[in-house]
């Protein structure tokens, strides 16, 4: 089972990101846009996990978030990866001043390491992917348009961390929540679910 750990976005956050996509519609030929209704913040990508290891993986998420309070993160500001040269990814910045988000991500690395999942080599940079660039032939115009997007932000409340399954299809990946781990509880068991499939094209 192909799994990752994520924060889901609510409708106001998705609408905020979709507005940015619409303002960049002149670059549709260059960008494969993420479907707004399926955007999320990835905390840790696990990849393929054996079926008999899924419960242990969900337990690791539960332990990682145990005792962490619900928090709010702010989406606002846009940019490109890499920072120079031909752009490959368009993204929205995430700010979370309390540090709970980074604590959750660090704890996930710590809990999954004994299970054979190495931490990312690069420092974690929380962001939401708006689109992946097929080929940046705009000679700087795309980066300029991203830099000129109007200022604004939206606050996203976070009350749970979700284990998601990703099934790769010809039309894109299909995301399904496998377990939801509530914040603000010391030893809350993950709530296993098999409904609420979402499709994703990136």
N, C-alpha and C. Protein backbone atom coordinates (compact mmCIF):
# COMPACT_ATOMS: atom_id res chain seq x y z
N UNK A 1 0.85 -1.19 0.00
CA UNK A 1 0.00 0.00 0.00
C UNK A 1 0.89 1.25 0.00
N UNK A 2 0.66 2.14 -0.92
CA UNK A 2 1.46 3.37 -1.05
C UNK A 2 0.85 4.44 -0.13
N UNK A 3 1.63 4.88 0.87
CA UNK A 3 1.09 5.73 1.92
C UNK A 3 1.88 7.03 2.09
N UNK A 4 1.20 8.04 2.60
CA UNK A 4 1.85 9.27 3.04
C UNK A 4 1.01 9.88 4.15
N UNK A 5 1.64 10.75 4.94
CA UNK A 5 0.98 11.41 6.06
C UNK A 5 0.76 12.87 5.68
N UNK A 6 -0.44 13.38 5.96
CA UNK A 6 -0.78 14.70 5.43
C UNK A 6 -1.73 15.46 6.34
N UNK A 7 -1.85 16.75 6.03
CA UNK A 7 -2.90 17.61 6.58
C UNK A 7 -3.84 17.94 5.42
N UNK A 8 -5.12 17.68 5.61
CA UNK A 8 -6.10 18.02 4.58
C UNK A 8 -6.46 19.51 4.69
N UNK A 9 -6.89 20.09 3.57
CA UNK A 9 -7.27 21.50 3.53
C UNK A 9 -8.78 21.63 3.48
N UNK A 10 -9.29 22.70 4.09
CA UNK A 10 -10.72 22.95 4.03
C UNK A 10 -11.07 23.77 2.79
N UNK A 11 -12.35 24.03 2.59
CA UNK A 11 -12.82 24.70 1.38
C UNK A 11 -12.27 26.12 1.23
N UNK A 12 -12.26 26.97 2.29
CA UNK A 12 -11.69 28.32 2.11
C UNK A 12 -10.22 28.28 1.66
N UNK A 13 -9.43 27.37 2.21
CA UNK A 13 -8.03 27.28 1.81
C UNK A 13 -7.92 26.86 0.35
N UNK A 14 -8.72 25.92 -0.07
CA UNK A 14 -8.67 25.46 -1.46
C UNK A 14 -9.12 26.55 -2.42
N UNK A 15 -10.14 27.30 -2.03
CA UNK A 15 -10.59 28.40 -2.88
C UNK A 15 -9.51 29.46 -3.03
N UNK A 16 -8.80 29.74 -1.95
CA UNK A 16 -7.69 30.70 -1.99
C UNK A 16 -6.63 30.26 -2.99
N UNK A 17 -6.27 28.99 -2.97
CA UNK A 17 -5.26 28.48 -3.88
C UNK A 17 -5.78 28.43 -5.32
N UNK A 18 -7.05 28.13 -5.47
CA UNK A 18 -7.62 28.07 -6.81
C UNK A 18 -7.63 29.45 -7.47
N UNK A 19 -7.84 30.49 -6.67
CA UNK A 19 -7.80 31.85 -7.23
C UNK A 19 -6.41 32.14 -7.81
N UNK A 20 -5.39 31.72 -7.11
CA UNK A 20 -4.02 31.91 -7.61
C UNK A 20 -3.82 31.16 -8.91
N UNK A 21 -4.33 29.94 -8.99
CA UNK A 21 -4.22 29.18 -10.23
C UNK A 21 -4.91 29.90 -11.38
N UNK A 22 -6.07 30.46 -11.11
CA UNK A 22 -6.81 31.16 -12.18
C UNK A 22 -6.03 32.38 -12.66
N UNK A 23 -5.37 33.08 -11.74
CA UNK A 23 -4.60 34.25 -12.14
C UNK A 23 -3.39 33.87 -12.99
N UNK A 24 -2.98 32.61 -12.93
CA UNK A 24 -1.84 32.14 -13.71
C UNK A 24 -2.29 31.31 -14.92
N UNK A 25 -3.56 31.44 -15.27
CA UNK A 25 -4.12 30.60 -16.34
C UNK A 25 -3.44 30.83 -17.69
N UNK A 26 -2.78 31.96 -17.85
CA UNK A 26 -2.08 32.21 -19.09
C UNK A 26 -0.91 31.26 -19.33
N UNK A 27 -0.54 30.51 -18.30
CA UNK A 27 0.56 29.57 -18.43
C UNK A 27 0.07 28.11 -18.42
N UNK A 28 -1.21 27.92 -18.73
CA UNK A 28 -1.79 26.57 -18.70
C UNK A 28 -1.02 25.58 -19.56
N UNK A 29 -0.47 26.06 -20.67
CA UNK A 29 0.24 25.15 -21.57
C UNK A 29 1.54 24.64 -20.95
N UNK A 30 2.05 25.34 -19.95
CA UNK A 30 3.33 24.97 -19.34
C UNK A 30 3.17 24.19 -18.05
N UNK A 31 1.99 24.28 -17.42
CA UNK A 31 1.83 23.77 -16.06
C UNK A 31 0.77 22.68 -16.00
N UNK A 32 1.09 21.63 -15.27
CA UNK A 32 0.10 20.60 -14.95
C UNK A 32 -0.41 20.94 -13.54
N UNK A 33 -1.60 21.54 -13.49
CA UNK A 33 -2.12 22.07 -12.24
C UNK A 33 -2.62 20.95 -11.32
N UNK A 34 -2.36 21.11 -10.03
CA UNK A 34 -2.95 20.22 -9.03
C UNK A 34 -4.44 20.53 -8.93
N UNK A 35 -5.24 19.49 -8.81
CA UNK A 35 -6.67 19.70 -8.64
C UNK A 35 -6.92 20.27 -7.26
N UNK A 36 -7.61 21.40 -7.24
CA UNK A 36 -7.75 22.17 -6.01
C UNK A 36 -8.42 21.36 -4.90
N UNK A 37 -9.44 20.58 -5.25
CA UNK A 37 -10.19 19.86 -4.22
C UNK A 37 -9.37 18.76 -3.56
N UNK A 38 -8.21 18.43 -4.12
CA UNK A 38 -7.39 17.36 -3.55
C UNK A 38 -6.06 17.85 -3.00
N UNK A 39 -5.87 19.17 -2.92
CA UNK A 39 -4.61 19.68 -2.37
C UNK A 39 -4.49 19.34 -0.89
N UNK A 40 -3.27 19.16 -0.45
CA UNK A 40 -3.00 18.81 0.94
C UNK A 40 -1.57 19.22 1.27
N UNK A 41 -1.26 19.20 2.53
CA UNK A 41 0.12 19.44 2.99
C UNK A 41 0.72 18.10 3.38
N UNK A 42 1.74 17.67 2.66
CA UNK A 42 2.40 16.41 2.97
C UNK A 42 3.38 16.61 4.14
N UNK A 43 3.25 15.76 5.15
CA UNK A 43 4.18 15.78 6.28
C UNK A 43 5.27 14.73 6.13
N UNK A 44 4.90 13.56 5.61
CA UNK A 44 5.90 12.52 5.39
C UNK A 44 5.38 11.55 4.33
N UNK A 45 6.20 11.29 3.31
CA UNK A 45 5.87 10.31 2.29
C UNK A 45 6.55 8.99 2.65
N UNK A 46 5.76 7.93 2.73
CA UNK A 46 6.29 6.63 3.12
C UNK A 46 6.59 5.74 1.92
N UNK A 47 5.82 5.89 0.86
CA UNK A 47 5.97 4.98 -0.27
C UNK A 47 5.25 3.68 -0.01
N UNK A 48 5.71 2.60 -0.61
CA UNK A 48 5.04 1.31 -0.50
C UNK A 48 5.25 0.69 0.88
N UNK A 49 4.15 0.38 1.54
CA UNK A 49 4.16 -0.25 2.85
C UNK A 49 3.43 -1.59 2.72
N UNK A 50 4.04 -2.70 3.16
CA UNK A 50 3.35 -3.99 3.11
C UNK A 50 2.03 -3.93 3.86
N UNK A 51 1.04 -4.69 3.40
CA UNK A 51 -0.27 -4.67 4.05
C UNK A 51 -0.18 -4.98 5.54
N UNK A 52 0.74 -5.89 5.91
CA UNK A 52 0.85 -6.25 7.31
C UNK A 52 1.61 -5.20 8.13
N UNK A 53 2.05 -4.12 7.47
CA UNK A 53 2.73 -3.04 8.18
C UNK A 53 1.90 -1.79 8.32
N UNK A 54 0.67 -1.81 7.78
CA UNK A 54 -0.16 -0.60 7.78
C UNK A 54 -0.58 -0.22 9.19
N UNK A 55 -0.97 -1.18 10.00
CA UNK A 55 -1.39 -0.88 11.38
C UNK A 55 -0.24 -0.26 12.16
N UNK A 56 0.97 -0.81 12.01
CA UNK A 56 2.13 -0.26 12.71
C UNK A 56 2.41 1.16 12.23
N UNK A 57 2.22 1.42 10.94
CA UNK A 57 2.44 2.77 10.41
C UNK A 57 1.43 3.75 10.99
N UNK A 58 0.16 3.33 11.08
CA UNK A 58 -0.86 4.19 11.67
C UNK A 58 -0.59 4.43 13.15
N UNK A 59 -0.10 3.40 13.85
CA UNK A 59 0.26 3.57 15.26
C UNK A 59 1.40 4.57 15.41
N UNK A 60 2.34 4.58 14.45
CA UNK A 60 3.45 5.54 14.51
C UNK A 60 2.94 6.96 14.39
N UNK A 61 1.95 7.18 13.54
CA UNK A 61 1.35 8.51 13.43
C UNK A 61 0.67 8.89 14.73
N UNK A 62 -0.06 7.97 15.32
CA UNK A 62 -0.74 8.23 16.59
C UNK A 62 0.26 8.65 17.67
N UNK A 63 1.36 7.92 17.75
CA UNK A 63 2.37 8.27 18.76
C UNK A 63 2.99 9.63 18.47
N UNK A 64 3.20 9.92 17.20
CA UNK A 64 3.85 11.19 16.84
C UNK A 64 3.01 12.40 17.22
N UNK A 65 1.69 12.30 17.10
CA UNK A 65 0.83 13.46 17.36
C UNK A 65 0.27 13.46 18.78
N UNK A 66 0.52 12.39 19.55
CA UNK A 66 -0.01 12.32 20.90
C UNK A 66 0.43 13.52 21.72
N UNK A 67 -0.52 14.20 22.33
CA UNK A 67 -0.22 15.34 23.18
C UNK A 67 -0.08 16.66 22.45
N UNK A 68 -0.02 16.64 21.11
CA UNK A 68 0.09 17.89 20.37
C UNK A 68 -1.28 18.56 20.27
N UNK A 69 -1.34 19.86 20.49
CA UNK A 69 -2.65 20.54 20.46
C UNK A 69 -3.05 20.87 19.02
N UNK A 70 -4.35 21.06 18.78
CA UNK A 70 -4.77 21.61 17.49
C UNK A 70 -4.08 22.96 17.27
N UNK A 71 -3.90 23.34 16.01
CA UNK A 71 -3.21 24.59 15.72
C UNK A 71 -3.78 25.19 14.43
N UNK A 72 -3.29 26.36 14.10
CA UNK A 72 -3.68 27.03 12.86
C UNK A 72 -2.43 27.32 12.05
N UNK A 73 -2.53 27.13 10.75
CA UNK A 73 -1.44 27.50 9.86
C UNK A 73 -1.99 28.45 8.81
N UNK A 74 -1.12 29.32 8.31
CA UNK A 74 -1.53 30.35 7.36
C UNK A 74 -0.94 30.05 5.99
N UNK A 75 -1.79 30.04 4.99
CA UNK A 75 -1.36 29.90 3.60
C UNK A 75 -1.28 31.30 3.00
N UNK A 76 -0.16 31.63 2.40
CA UNK A 76 -0.03 32.94 1.78
C UNK A 76 1.38 33.16 1.27
N UNK A 77 1.47 33.80 0.13
CA UNK A 77 2.75 33.96 -0.52
C UNK A 77 3.00 32.80 -1.45
N UNK A 78 3.56 33.08 -2.62
CA UNK A 78 3.74 32.05 -3.64
C UNK A 78 5.16 32.10 -4.19
N UNK A 79 5.61 30.97 -4.70
CA UNK A 79 6.95 30.92 -5.23
C UNK A 79 7.14 29.73 -6.14
N UNK A 80 8.40 29.53 -6.55
CA UNK A 80 8.76 28.43 -7.45
C UNK A 80 9.93 27.67 -6.87
N UNK A 81 9.94 26.37 -7.11
CA UNK A 81 11.11 25.52 -6.86
C UNK A 81 11.68 25.11 -8.20
N UNK A 82 13.01 25.13 -8.39
CA UNK A 82 14.00 25.73 -7.49
C UNK A 82 13.90 27.25 -7.50
N UNK A 83 14.67 27.88 -6.63
CA UNK A 83 14.56 29.33 -6.48
C UNK A 83 15.12 30.08 -7.67
N UNK A 84 15.98 29.46 -8.45
CA UNK A 84 16.53 30.11 -9.64
C UNK A 84 16.59 29.10 -10.78
N UNK A 85 16.79 29.60 -11.97
CA UNK A 85 16.81 28.72 -13.13
C UNK A 85 15.41 28.40 -13.59
N UNK A 86 15.28 27.31 -14.33
CA UNK A 86 13.96 26.91 -14.82
C UNK A 86 13.10 26.37 -13.69
N UNK A 87 11.93 26.97 -13.53
CA UNK A 87 11.03 26.56 -12.45
C UNK A 87 10.44 25.18 -12.75
N UNK A 88 10.24 24.40 -11.69
CA UNK A 88 9.67 23.06 -11.83
C UNK A 88 8.37 22.89 -11.05
N UNK A 89 8.25 23.61 -9.93
CA UNK A 89 7.07 23.48 -9.08
C UNK A 89 6.60 24.87 -8.66
N UNK A 90 5.29 25.10 -8.70
CA UNK A 90 4.68 26.31 -8.16
C UNK A 90 4.07 25.96 -6.80
N UNK A 91 4.27 26.81 -5.82
CA UNK A 91 3.82 26.46 -4.48
C UNK A 91 3.31 27.67 -3.70
N UNK A 92 2.57 27.36 -2.65
CA UNK A 92 2.13 28.38 -1.69
C UNK A 92 2.81 28.13 -0.36
N UNK A 93 3.30 29.18 0.25
CA UNK A 93 4.03 29.07 1.52
C UNK A 93 3.08 28.77 2.67
N UNK A 94 3.58 28.04 3.66
CA UNK A 94 2.85 27.76 4.90
C UNK A 94 3.60 28.40 6.06
N UNK A 95 2.89 29.18 6.87
CA UNK A 95 3.45 29.74 8.10
C UNK A 95 2.68 29.17 9.29
N UNK A 96 3.42 28.73 10.31
CA UNK A 96 2.79 28.19 11.52
C UNK A 96 3.67 28.58 12.69
N UNK A 97 3.44 29.76 13.28
CA UNK A 97 4.38 30.33 14.25
C UNK A 97 4.51 29.56 15.55
N UNK A 98 3.52 28.75 15.93
CA UNK A 98 3.61 28.06 17.22
C UNK A 98 4.67 26.96 17.21
N UNK A 99 5.04 26.48 16.02
CA UNK A 99 6.02 25.41 15.91
C UNK A 99 5.43 24.02 16.01
N UNK A 100 4.11 23.91 16.20
CA UNK A 100 3.49 22.59 16.34
C UNK A 100 3.61 21.78 15.05
N UNK A 101 3.49 22.43 13.92
CA UNK A 101 3.58 21.72 12.64
C UNK A 101 4.96 21.08 12.48
N UNK A 102 6.01 21.85 12.72
CA UNK A 102 7.35 21.30 12.59
C UNK A 102 7.63 20.23 13.64
N UNK A 103 7.05 20.40 14.82
CA UNK A 103 7.20 19.38 15.85
C UNK A 103 6.55 18.07 15.39
N UNK A 104 5.37 18.17 14.80
CA UNK A 104 4.69 16.98 14.29
C UNK A 104 5.52 16.29 13.22
N UNK A 105 6.08 17.08 12.32
CA UNK A 105 6.88 16.48 11.25
C UNK A 105 8.14 15.82 11.81
N UNK A 106 8.78 16.47 12.77
CA UNK A 106 9.99 15.90 13.38
C UNK A 106 9.66 14.59 14.12
N UNK A 107 8.55 14.60 14.84
CA UNK A 107 8.14 13.40 15.57
C UNK A 107 7.81 12.25 14.60
N UNK A 108 7.22 12.58 13.47
CA UNK A 108 6.94 11.54 12.48
C UNK A 108 8.24 10.89 12.01
N UNK A 109 9.24 11.72 11.73
CA UNK A 109 10.55 11.17 11.34
C UNK A 109 11.09 10.24 12.43
N UNK A 110 10.96 10.68 13.67
CA UNK A 110 11.49 9.89 14.78
C UNK A 110 10.75 8.57 14.95
N UNK A 111 9.44 8.60 14.79
CA UNK A 111 8.64 7.38 14.98
C UNK A 111 8.81 6.40 13.83
N UNK A 112 9.02 6.92 12.63
CA UNK A 112 9.11 6.03 11.48
C UNK A 112 10.52 5.50 11.23
N UNK A 113 11.52 6.14 11.81
CA UNK A 113 12.89 5.68 11.60
C UNK A 113 13.09 4.23 12.06
N UNK A 114 12.61 3.84 13.25
CA UNK A 114 12.79 2.43 13.66
C UNK A 114 12.03 1.45 12.77
N UNK A 115 11.06 1.95 12.01
CA UNK A 115 10.29 1.09 11.12
C UNK A 115 10.94 0.97 9.74
N UNK A 116 12.10 1.62 9.58
CA UNK A 116 12.83 1.51 8.33
C UNK A 116 12.61 2.63 7.35
N UNK A 117 12.00 3.74 7.80
CA UNK A 117 11.76 4.89 6.94
C UNK A 117 12.73 6.01 7.31
N UNK A 118 13.68 6.27 6.46
CA UNK A 118 14.71 7.27 6.76
C UNK A 118 14.12 8.68 6.68
N UNK A 119 14.61 9.59 7.52
CA UNK A 119 14.19 10.99 7.41
C UNK A 119 14.64 11.59 6.07
N UNK A 120 13.92 12.61 5.64
CA UNK A 120 14.33 13.32 4.43
C UNK A 120 15.70 13.96 4.65
N UNK A 121 16.52 13.94 3.61
CA UNK A 121 17.85 14.55 3.72
C UNK A 121 17.76 16.07 3.73
N UNK A 122 16.76 16.60 3.01
CA UNK A 122 16.60 18.06 2.97
C UNK A 122 15.75 18.53 4.13
N UNK A 123 15.99 19.75 4.57
CA UNK A 123 15.18 20.34 5.64
C UNK A 123 13.73 20.44 5.17
N UNK A 124 12.79 20.17 6.07
CA UNK A 124 11.38 20.19 5.73
C UNK A 124 10.94 21.63 5.49
N UNK A 125 10.33 21.87 4.33
CA UNK A 125 9.81 23.19 3.98
C UNK A 125 8.32 23.04 3.70
N UNK A 126 7.47 23.37 4.67
CA UNK A 126 6.03 23.18 4.45
C UNK A 126 5.49 24.06 3.34
N UNK A 127 4.78 23.46 2.40
CA UNK A 127 4.22 24.20 1.27
C UNK A 127 3.12 23.37 0.64
N UNK A 128 2.28 24.04 -0.12
CA UNK A 128 1.24 23.38 -0.89
C UNK A 128 1.60 23.51 -2.36
N UNK A 129 1.62 22.40 -3.07
CA UNK A 129 1.94 22.43 -4.50
C UNK A 129 0.73 22.88 -5.31
N UNK A 130 0.91 23.95 -6.09
CA UNK A 130 -0.15 24.42 -6.98
C UNK A 130 -0.09 23.73 -8.33
N UNK A 131 1.11 23.43 -8.80
CA UNK A 131 1.26 22.79 -10.09
C UNK A 131 2.69 22.42 -10.35
N UNK A 132 2.86 21.50 -11.28
CA UNK A 132 4.19 21.06 -11.69
C UNK A 132 4.41 21.49 -13.14
N UNK A 133 5.55 22.09 -13.37
CA UNK A 133 5.82 22.72 -14.65
C UNK A 133 6.42 21.70 -15.61
N UNK A 134 5.77 21.54 -16.75
CA UNK A 134 6.24 20.57 -17.75
C UNK A 134 7.59 21.01 -18.31
N UNK A 135 7.65 22.28 -18.72
CA UNK A 135 8.89 22.86 -19.26
C UNK A 135 8.75 24.37 -19.18
N UNK A 136 9.61 25.00 -18.43
CA UNK A 136 9.54 26.46 -18.27
C UNK A 136 10.24 27.13 -19.44
N UNK A 137 9.48 27.40 -20.48
CA UNK A 137 10.02 28.07 -21.66
C UNK A 137 9.60 29.54 -21.69
N UNK A 138 9.17 30.06 -20.54
CA UNK A 138 8.61 31.41 -20.50
C UNK A 138 9.67 32.50 -20.40
N UNK A 139 10.95 32.12 -20.28
CA UNK A 139 12.03 33.10 -20.18
C UNK A 139 11.81 34.09 -19.04
N UNK A 140 11.39 33.58 -17.90
CA UNK A 140 11.22 34.42 -16.73
C UNK A 140 9.82 34.96 -16.53
N UNK A 141 8.96 34.84 -17.54
CA UNK A 141 7.61 35.41 -17.43
C UNK A 141 6.79 34.70 -16.36
N UNK A 142 6.95 33.39 -16.24
CA UNK A 142 6.20 32.64 -15.24
C UNK A 142 6.61 33.06 -13.83
N UNK A 143 7.92 33.12 -13.60
CA UNK A 143 8.38 33.57 -12.28
C UNK A 143 7.89 34.98 -11.99
N UNK A 144 7.89 35.84 -12.97
CA UNK A 144 7.42 37.20 -12.78
C UNK A 144 5.95 37.25 -12.42
N UNK A 145 5.14 36.41 -13.09
CA UNK A 145 3.71 36.37 -12.80
C UNK A 145 3.44 35.86 -11.39
N UNK A 146 4.22 34.89 -10.96
CA UNK A 146 4.07 34.36 -9.60
C UNK A 146 4.43 35.44 -8.59
N UNK A 147 5.51 36.17 -8.85
CA UNK A 147 5.93 37.23 -7.94
C UNK A 147 4.90 38.35 -7.87
N UNK A 148 4.13 38.54 -8.94
CA UNK A 148 3.15 39.63 -9.00
C UNK A 148 1.77 39.23 -8.50
N UNK A 149 1.60 37.99 -8.04
CA UNK A 149 0.30 37.60 -7.50
C UNK A 149 -0.07 38.50 -6.33
N UNK A 150 -1.33 38.88 -6.22
CA UNK A 150 -1.72 39.79 -5.14
C UNK A 150 -1.48 39.19 -3.77
N UNK A 151 -1.15 40.07 -2.84
CA UNK A 151 -0.92 39.61 -1.46
C UNK A 151 -2.23 39.14 -0.85
N UNK A 152 -2.13 38.26 0.07
CA UNK A 152 -3.32 37.73 0.74
C UNK A 152 -2.94 36.46 1.47
N UNK A 153 -3.84 36.02 2.33
CA UNK A 153 -3.59 34.80 3.08
C UNK A 153 -4.91 34.22 3.55
N UNK A 154 -4.85 32.98 3.99
CA UNK A 154 -6.02 32.33 4.56
C UNK A 154 -5.54 31.43 5.70
N UNK A 155 -6.33 31.35 6.76
CA UNK A 155 -5.96 30.55 7.92
C UNK A 155 -6.64 29.18 7.82
N UNK A 156 -5.83 28.15 8.01
CA UNK A 156 -6.32 26.77 7.97
C UNK A 156 -6.23 26.15 9.37
N UNK A 157 -7.38 25.87 10.01
CA UNK A 157 -7.33 25.16 11.29
C UNK A 157 -6.91 23.71 11.06
N UNK A 158 -6.12 23.16 11.98
CA UNK A 158 -5.68 21.77 11.88
C UNK A 158 -6.02 21.06 13.18
N UNK A 159 -6.90 20.08 13.09
CA UNK A 159 -7.31 19.32 14.27
C UNK A 159 -6.99 17.84 14.16
N UNK A 160 -6.46 17.41 13.00
CA UNK A 160 -6.11 16.01 12.84
C UNK A 160 -5.04 15.84 11.77
N UNK A 161 -4.31 14.76 11.88
CA UNK A 161 -3.31 14.35 10.90
C UNK A 161 -3.83 13.07 10.26
N UNK A 162 -3.67 12.96 8.94
CA UNK A 162 -4.31 11.88 8.20
C UNK A 162 -3.28 10.99 7.52
N UNK A 163 -3.45 9.70 7.67
CA UNK A 163 -2.69 8.73 6.87
C UNK A 163 -3.47 8.51 5.58
N UNK A 164 -2.82 8.74 4.44
CA UNK A 164 -3.48 8.65 3.15
C UNK A 164 -2.87 7.53 2.32
N UNK A 165 -3.74 6.82 1.60
CA UNK A 165 -3.28 5.86 0.60
C UNK A 165 -3.30 6.51 -0.77
N UNK A 166 -2.28 6.26 -1.55
CA UNK A 166 -2.19 6.77 -2.92
C UNK A 166 -2.13 5.59 -3.88
N UNK A 167 -3.14 5.49 -4.75
CA UNK A 167 -3.18 4.45 -5.77
C UNK A 167 -2.93 5.10 -7.13
N UNK A 168 -1.89 4.68 -7.81
CA UNK A 168 -1.53 5.28 -9.08
C UNK A 168 -2.41 4.71 -10.19
N UNK A 169 -3.07 5.62 -10.93
CA UNK A 169 -3.94 5.26 -12.05
C UNK A 169 -3.45 5.99 -13.30
N UNK A 170 -3.93 5.58 -14.45
CA UNK A 170 -3.56 6.29 -15.68
C UNK A 170 -4.00 7.75 -15.65
N UNK A 171 -5.12 8.01 -15.03
CA UNK A 171 -5.64 9.37 -14.96
C UNK A 171 -5.02 10.17 -13.82
N UNK A 172 -4.17 9.55 -13.04
CA UNK A 172 -3.55 10.21 -11.90
C UNK A 172 -3.69 9.33 -10.67
N UNK A 173 -3.20 9.80 -9.55
CA UNK A 173 -3.28 9.04 -8.31
C UNK A 173 -4.65 9.23 -7.66
N UNK A 174 -5.11 8.20 -6.97
CA UNK A 174 -6.35 8.27 -6.20
C UNK A 174 -5.97 8.23 -4.72
N UNK A 175 -6.38 9.25 -3.98
CA UNK A 175 -6.04 9.37 -2.57
C UNK A 175 -7.24 8.95 -1.72
N UNK A 176 -6.99 8.10 -0.73
CA UNK A 176 -8.03 7.63 0.18
C UNK A 176 -7.54 7.72 1.61
N UNK A 177 -8.28 8.40 2.50
CA UNK A 177 -7.89 8.40 3.91
C UNK A 177 -7.93 6.99 4.49
N UNK A 178 -6.86 6.59 5.16
CA UNK A 178 -6.78 5.28 5.79
C UNK A 178 -7.00 5.41 7.30
N UNK A 179 -6.46 6.46 7.90
CA UNK A 179 -6.64 6.68 9.34
C UNK A 179 -6.56 8.16 9.64
N UNK A 180 -7.35 8.60 10.62
CA UNK A 180 -7.36 9.99 11.06
C UNK A 180 -6.95 10.02 12.53
N UNK A 181 -5.93 10.78 12.85
CA UNK A 181 -5.41 10.87 14.21
C UNK A 181 -5.67 12.27 14.74
N UNK A 182 -6.55 12.38 15.73
CA UNK A 182 -6.95 13.67 16.26
C UNK A 182 -5.85 14.27 17.12
N UNK A 183 -5.70 15.58 17.01
CA UNK A 183 -4.79 16.32 17.88
C UNK A 183 -5.50 16.65 19.18
N UNK A 184 -4.72 16.91 20.22
CA UNK A 184 -5.30 17.28 21.50
C UNK A 184 -5.67 16.11 22.37
N UNK A 185 -5.25 14.89 21.99
CA UNK A 185 -5.54 13.71 22.80
C UNK A 185 -4.23 12.99 23.08
N UNK A 186 -4.08 12.48 24.27
CA UNK A 186 -2.81 11.88 24.66
C UNK A 186 -2.54 10.57 23.96
N UNK A 187 -3.52 9.74 23.84
CA UNK A 187 -3.28 8.43 23.24
C UNK A 187 -4.46 8.05 22.36
N UNK A 188 -4.87 8.98 21.51
CA UNK A 188 -6.03 8.73 20.66
C UNK A 188 -5.68 7.71 19.60
N UNK A 189 -6.44 6.66 19.53
CA UNK A 189 -6.21 5.65 18.50
C UNK A 189 -6.67 6.18 17.16
N UNK A 190 -5.96 5.86 16.08
CA UNK A 190 -6.37 6.32 14.77
C UNK A 190 -7.70 5.71 14.38
N UNK A 191 -8.54 6.51 13.71
CA UNK A 191 -9.83 6.03 13.25
C UNK A 191 -9.68 5.52 11.83
N UNK A 192 -9.73 4.21 11.65
CA UNK A 192 -9.53 3.62 10.34
C UNK A 192 -10.76 3.86 9.47
N UNK A 193 -10.50 4.29 8.22
CA UNK A 193 -11.59 4.56 7.30
C UNK A 193 -11.20 4.07 5.92
N UNK A 194 -12.21 3.71 5.14
CA UNK A 194 -11.96 3.30 3.77
C UNK A 194 -12.85 4.05 2.79
N UNK A 195 -13.43 5.17 3.25
CA UNK A 195 -14.31 5.94 2.38
C UNK A 195 -13.69 7.29 2.12
N UNK A 196 -14.29 8.03 1.19
CA UNK A 196 -13.83 9.37 0.90
C UNK A 196 -12.71 9.43 -0.08
N UNK A 197 -12.73 8.57 -1.11
CA UNK A 197 -11.65 8.55 -2.10
C UNK A 197 -11.55 9.89 -2.80
N UNK A 198 -10.33 10.29 -3.13
CA UNK A 198 -10.09 11.50 -3.88
C UNK A 198 -9.14 11.19 -5.00
N UNK A 199 -9.36 11.81 -6.16
CA UNK A 199 -8.46 11.61 -7.28
C UNK A 199 -7.52 12.78 -7.37
N UNK A 200 -6.32 12.53 -7.88
CA UNK A 200 -5.29 13.55 -7.96
C UNK A 200 -4.49 13.31 -9.23
N UNK A 201 -4.09 14.38 -9.87
CA UNK A 201 -3.42 14.21 -11.16
C UNK A 201 -1.94 14.53 -11.10
N UNK A 202 -1.36 14.56 -9.87
CA UNK A 202 0.06 14.85 -9.78
C UNK A 202 0.72 13.96 -8.75
